[in-house]
Amino acid sequence: MQTSVIKAISVFKTVSTKQEQLTILDDISFDVAAGESVAIVGSSGAGKSTLMTILAGLDTPSQGSIELLGQDLAQMDDEARAAIRAQSVGFVFQSFLLIPSLSALDNVTLPCLLKGEPEDKARAIELLKAVGLEHRIHHSPAQLSGGEQQRVAIARAFMIQPKVLFADEPTGNLDQHTAEKIIELLFELNRQHGTTLVLVTHDMALANRCARRLHINAGQLEEA
């Protein structure tokens, strides 16, 4: 039997405006098995990114619970949630979130420092080679194109060999050729390391590569 690395149990997310209570997520439940690839799809504003940030412990549900790698996030404080992310979770955000003052190489080794481990520069160089950036390792983010910055972000996400990788629109800012390379890279690294992938995407070519598609429609979940 496969082990669940993510379990969402009756998750609701509501926010208050001056006029009303808005329900962003409405009674969402599902499991993700170890090594699985799952795409979260749906129209803009459907709640996809909100769901991903809750699954990763970056936000909390209004009701319901999330288990990440066997731990109930609701029973953990911010420090404990941050520790589980530093140890076992990788992220690729649409906005890259690279540190402007650091080189590509130092951005990739940053998770080592957050984890309290020595910087493994040899591994970082191997990852940058894997994303086709071995000639750019000493360049700062400002010296890199959007596609190159995204590739640095993906190399960084795999630096600690995460058990789970969350990616929010990983191909959203990229031209088609670069997007295809990034998709190949995500699945190649997924196969090599058995990393569980959870991707929020509008890109149906990327969604269709995943083993499962979860469709969020008006805050509700449909298996697509």
Protein backbone atom coordinates (compact mmCIF):
# COMPACT_ATOMS: atom_id res chain seq x y z
CA MET A 1 0.00 0.00 0.00
CA GLN A 2 1.29 3.44 -0.96
CA THR A 3 1.89 5.93 1.80
CA SER A 4 0.04 9.26 1.75
CA VAL A 5 2.44 12.17 1.93
CA ILE A 6 -0.37 14.74 1.79
CA LYS A 7 -3.85 14.31 3.21
CA ALA A 8 -6.48 17.06 3.06
CA ILE A 9 -9.48 16.40 5.29
CA SER A 10 -12.64 18.56 4.85
CA VAL A 11 -10.65 21.74 4.20
CA PHE A 12 -12.55 25.04 4.11
CA LYS A 13 -11.07 28.50 3.60
CA THR A 14 -13.22 31.56 4.12
CA VAL A 15 -12.24 35.22 4.17
CA SER A 16 -14.30 38.13 5.46
CA THR A 17 -14.90 41.25 3.41
CA LYS A 18 -16.87 44.25 4.60
CA GLN A 19 -19.92 42.94 2.76
CA GLU A 20 -19.77 39.16 3.23
CA GLN A 21 -17.95 35.93 4.00
CA LEU A 22 -16.30 34.56 0.87
CA THR A 23 -15.75 30.81 0.67
CA ILE A 24 -12.53 30.19 -1.32
CA LEU A 25 -12.28 26.44 -0.59
CA ASP A 26 -15.39 24.39 0.16
CA ASP A 27 -14.98 21.01 1.87
CA ILE A 28 -11.90 19.72 0.02
CA SER A 29 -10.63 16.20 0.81
CA PHE A 30 -8.04 14.11 -1.05
CA ASP A 31 -4.81 12.13 -0.56
CA VAL A 32 -1.55 12.29 -2.50
CA ALA A 33 0.63 9.17 -2.46
CA ALA A 34 4.42 9.17 -2.21
CA GLY A 35 6.04 9.73 -5.61
CA GLU A 36 2.77 10.74 -7.26
CA SER A 37 2.43 13.71 -9.62
CA VAL A 38 -0.73 15.78 -9.22
CA ALA A 39 -1.86 18.85 -11.16
CA ILE A 40 -4.28 21.31 -9.56
CA VAL A 41 -6.17 23.00 -12.39
CA GLY A 42 -9.06 25.43 -12.67
CA SER A 43 -9.96 28.93 -13.78
CA SER A 44 -8.23 32.02 -12.42
CA GLY A 45 -9.48 32.80 -8.90
CA ALA A 46 -10.85 29.28 -8.37
CA GLY A 47 -8.70 28.76 -5.24
CA LYS A 48 -5.80 26.71 -6.70
CA SER A 49 -2.93 28.73 -5.24
CA THR A 50 -4.76 29.10 -1.91
CA LEU A 51 -5.08 25.32 -1.71
CA MET A 52 -1.39 24.84 -2.47
CA THR A 53 -0.25 27.30 0.20
CA ILE A 54 -2.49 25.50 2.74
CA LEU A 55 -1.14 22.06 1.72
CA ALA A 56 2.39 23.39 2.23
CA GLY A 57 1.64 24.87 5.65
CA LEU A 58 2.21 28.45 4.43
CA ASP A 59 -1.42 29.26 5.26
CA THR A 60 -3.99 27.64 7.54
CA PRO A 61 -7.50 26.43 6.69
CA SER A 62 -10.55 27.98 8.33
CA GLN A 63 -11.79 24.44 9.04
CA GLY A 64 -10.45 20.98 8.41
CA SER A 65 -6.93 19.62 8.62
CA ILE A 66 -3.84 18.93 6.52
CA GLU A 67 -1.37 16.13 7.12
CA LEU A 68 1.99 16.69 5.44
CA LEU A 69 4.49 13.82 5.57
CA GLY A 70 2.50 12.20 8.38
CA GLN A 71 2.35 15.35 10.53
CA ASP A 72 -0.85 17.23 11.35
CA LEU A 73 0.04 20.83 10.48
CA ALA A 74 -2.69 22.19 12.78
CA GLN A 75 -0.89 20.67 15.78
CA MET A 76 2.38 22.44 14.90
CA ASP A 77 3.47 26.02 15.57
CA ASP A 78 4.97 28.25 12.86
CA GLU A 79 8.51 27.20 13.80
CA ALA A 80 7.72 23.48 13.51
CA ARG A 81 5.96 24.00 10.17
CA ALA A 82 8.96 25.98 8.90
CA ALA A 83 11.27 23.16 10.02
CA ILE A 84 9.36 20.47 8.11
CA ARG A 85 9.47 22.69 4.99
CA ALA A 86 13.22 23.28 5.37
CA GLN A 87 13.89 19.55 5.81
CA SER A 88 11.60 17.98 3.25
CA VAL A 89 9.74 20.42 0.96
CA GLY A 90 10.79 22.25 -2.21
CA PHE A 91 9.01 25.21 -3.80
CA VAL A 92 8.93 26.77 -7.24
CA PHE A 93 6.93 30.01 -7.32
CA GLN A 94 5.88 31.93 -10.41
CA SER A 95 7.79 34.96 -9.13
CA PHE A 96 11.00 32.88 -8.63
CA LEU A 97 11.84 34.53 -5.23
CA LEU A 98 15.59 34.49 -5.91
CA ILE A 99 17.82 36.62 -3.66
CA PRO A 100 19.00 39.51 -5.91
CA SER A 101 22.40 39.92 -4.20
CA LEU A 102 23.35 36.22 -4.57
CA SER A 103 24.74 34.41 -7.60
CA ALA A 104 22.81 31.58 -9.23
CA LEU A 105 25.09 29.13 -7.38
CA ASP A 106 24.52 30.76 -3.98
CA ASN A 107 20.74 30.93 -4.57
CA VAL A 108 20.76 27.17 -5.23
CA THR A 109 22.76 26.37 -2.07
CA LEU A 110 20.53 28.58 0.12
CA PRO A 111 18.31 25.66 1.28
CA CYS A 112 21.41 24.04 2.82
CA LEU A 113 21.88 27.07 5.07
CA LEU A 114 18.17 27.12 5.96
CA LYS A 115 18.46 23.45 6.89
CA GLY A 116 21.59 24.16 8.97
CA GLU A 117 23.86 22.08 6.74
CA PRO A 118 27.11 22.93 4.92
CA GLU A 119 26.67 24.31 1.41
CA ASP A 120 27.05 21.47 -1.07
CA LYS A 121 28.43 23.48 -3.99
CA ALA A 122 29.28 20.38 -6.01
CA ARG A 123 25.63 19.25 -5.92
CA ALA A 124 24.44 22.78 -6.75
CA ILE A 125 26.70 22.86 -9.82
CA GLU A 126 25.36 19.45 -10.91
CA LEU A 127 21.79 20.73 -10.58
CA LEU A 128 22.61 23.90 -12.52
CA LYS A 129 24.17 21.68 -15.21
CA ALA A 130 20.97 19.60 -15.24
CA VAL A 131 18.97 22.76 -16.01
CA GLY A 132 21.49 23.90 -18.65
CA LEU A 133 22.99 26.78 -16.66
CA GLU A 134 26.53 25.61 -15.91
CA HIS A 135 27.82 28.68 -17.81
CA ARG A 136 25.74 31.08 -15.65
CA ILE A 137 26.57 29.90 -12.13
CA HIS A 138 28.22 33.19 -11.08
CA HIS A 139 25.57 35.46 -12.60
CA SER A 140 23.13 37.35 -10.38
CA PRO A 141 19.36 37.10 -11.02
CA ALA A 142 19.42 40.54 -12.72
CA GLN A 143 21.84 39.11 -15.32
CA LEU A 144 19.52 36.18 -16.12
CA SER A 145 16.44 35.99 -18.33
CA GLY A 146 13.07 35.02 -16.84
CA GLY A 147 13.47 31.47 -18.13
CA GLU A 148 16.96 31.21 -16.65
CA GLN A 149 15.75 32.53 -13.28
CA GLN A 150 12.98 29.91 -13.31
CA ARG A 151 15.57 27.20 -13.97
CA VAL A 152 17.66 28.45 -11.04
CA ALA A 153 14.52 28.29 -8.87
CA ILE A 154 13.93 24.67 -9.95
CA ALA A 155 17.55 23.71 -9.23
CA ARG A 156 17.19 25.34 -5.78
CA ALA A 157 13.94 23.43 -5.14
CA PHE A 158 15.77 20.12 -5.69
CA MET A 159 18.85 21.08 -3.65
CA ILE A 160 17.73 19.26 -0.49
CA GLN A 161 16.24 16.31 -2.43
CA PRO A 162 12.76 17.21 -1.15
CA LYS A 163 10.19 14.55 -0.48
CA VAL A 164 7.51 16.92 -1.86
CA LEU A 165 7.83 19.67 -4.47
CA PHE A 166 5.12 22.34 -4.76
CA ALA A 167 5.19 24.38 -7.98
CA ASP A 168 2.85 27.31 -8.64
CA GLU A 169 2.54 27.97 -12.40
CA PRO A 170 6.13 26.79 -13.04
CA THR A 171 5.78 27.47 -16.78
CA GLY A 172 3.61 30.60 -16.48
CA ASN A 173 6.27 33.17 -17.42
CA LEU A 174 8.12 31.07 -19.99
CA ASP A 175 8.10 30.78 -23.77
CA GLN A 176 6.93 27.44 -25.15
CA HIS A 177 10.40 26.04 -25.84
CA THR A 178 11.67 26.87 -22.33
CA ALA A 179 8.39 25.66 -20.80
CA GLU A 180 8.81 22.26 -22.47
CA LYS A 181 12.36 21.99 -21.12
CA ILE A 182 11.16 22.86 -17.61
CA ILE A 183 8.37 20.25 -17.82
CA GLU A 184 10.90 17.60 -18.90
CA LEU A 185 13.19 18.61 -16.06
CA LEU A 186 10.46 18.44 -13.40
CA PHE A 187 9.46 14.92 -14.41
CA GLU A 188 13.03 13.74 -14.88
CA LEU A 189 13.96 14.91 -11.38
CA ASN A 190 10.69 13.41 -10.10
CA ARG A 191 11.65 10.03 -11.58
CA GLN A 192 15.24 10.17 -10.35
CA HIS A 193 14.38 11.08 -6.75
CA GLY A 194 10.82 9.74 -6.33
CA THR A 195 9.77 13.26 -5.37
CA THR A 196 6.02 13.86 -5.01
CA LEU A 197 4.99 16.69 -7.35
CA VAL A 198 2.04 19.01 -6.69
CA LEU A 199 1.67 21.53 -9.50
CA VAL A 200 -0.76 24.44 -9.86
CA THR A 201 -1.02 25.15 -13.57
CA HIS A 202 -3.05 26.60 -16.44
CA ASP A 203 -0.79 24.66 -18.83
CA MET A 204 -2.75 21.60 -19.94
CA ALA A 205 0.36 20.03 -21.53
CA LEU A 206 1.91 20.06 -18.06
CA ALA A 207 -1.30 18.95 -16.32
CA ASN A 208 -1.71 16.03 -18.71
CA ARG A 209 1.78 14.76 -17.87
CA CYS A 210 0.71 14.32 -14.24
CA ALA A 211 -0.73 11.04 -12.96
CA ARG A 212 -3.79 12.90 -11.63
CA ARG A 213 -5.60 16.17 -12.20
CA LEU A 214 -7.61 17.82 -9.43
CA HIS A 215 -10.00 20.40 -10.85
CA ILE A 216 -10.99 23.26 -8.53
CA ASN A 217 -14.26 24.85 -9.59
CA ALA A 218 -15.76 27.62 -7.43
CA GLY A 219 -13.82 26.30 -4.43
CA GLN A 220 -14.96 22.70 -4.87
CA LEU A 221 -12.89 19.71 -5.96
CA GLU A 222 -13.55 17.51 -8.95
CA GLU A 223 -11.19 14.72 -10.01
CA ALA A 224 -10.54 15.47 -13.70
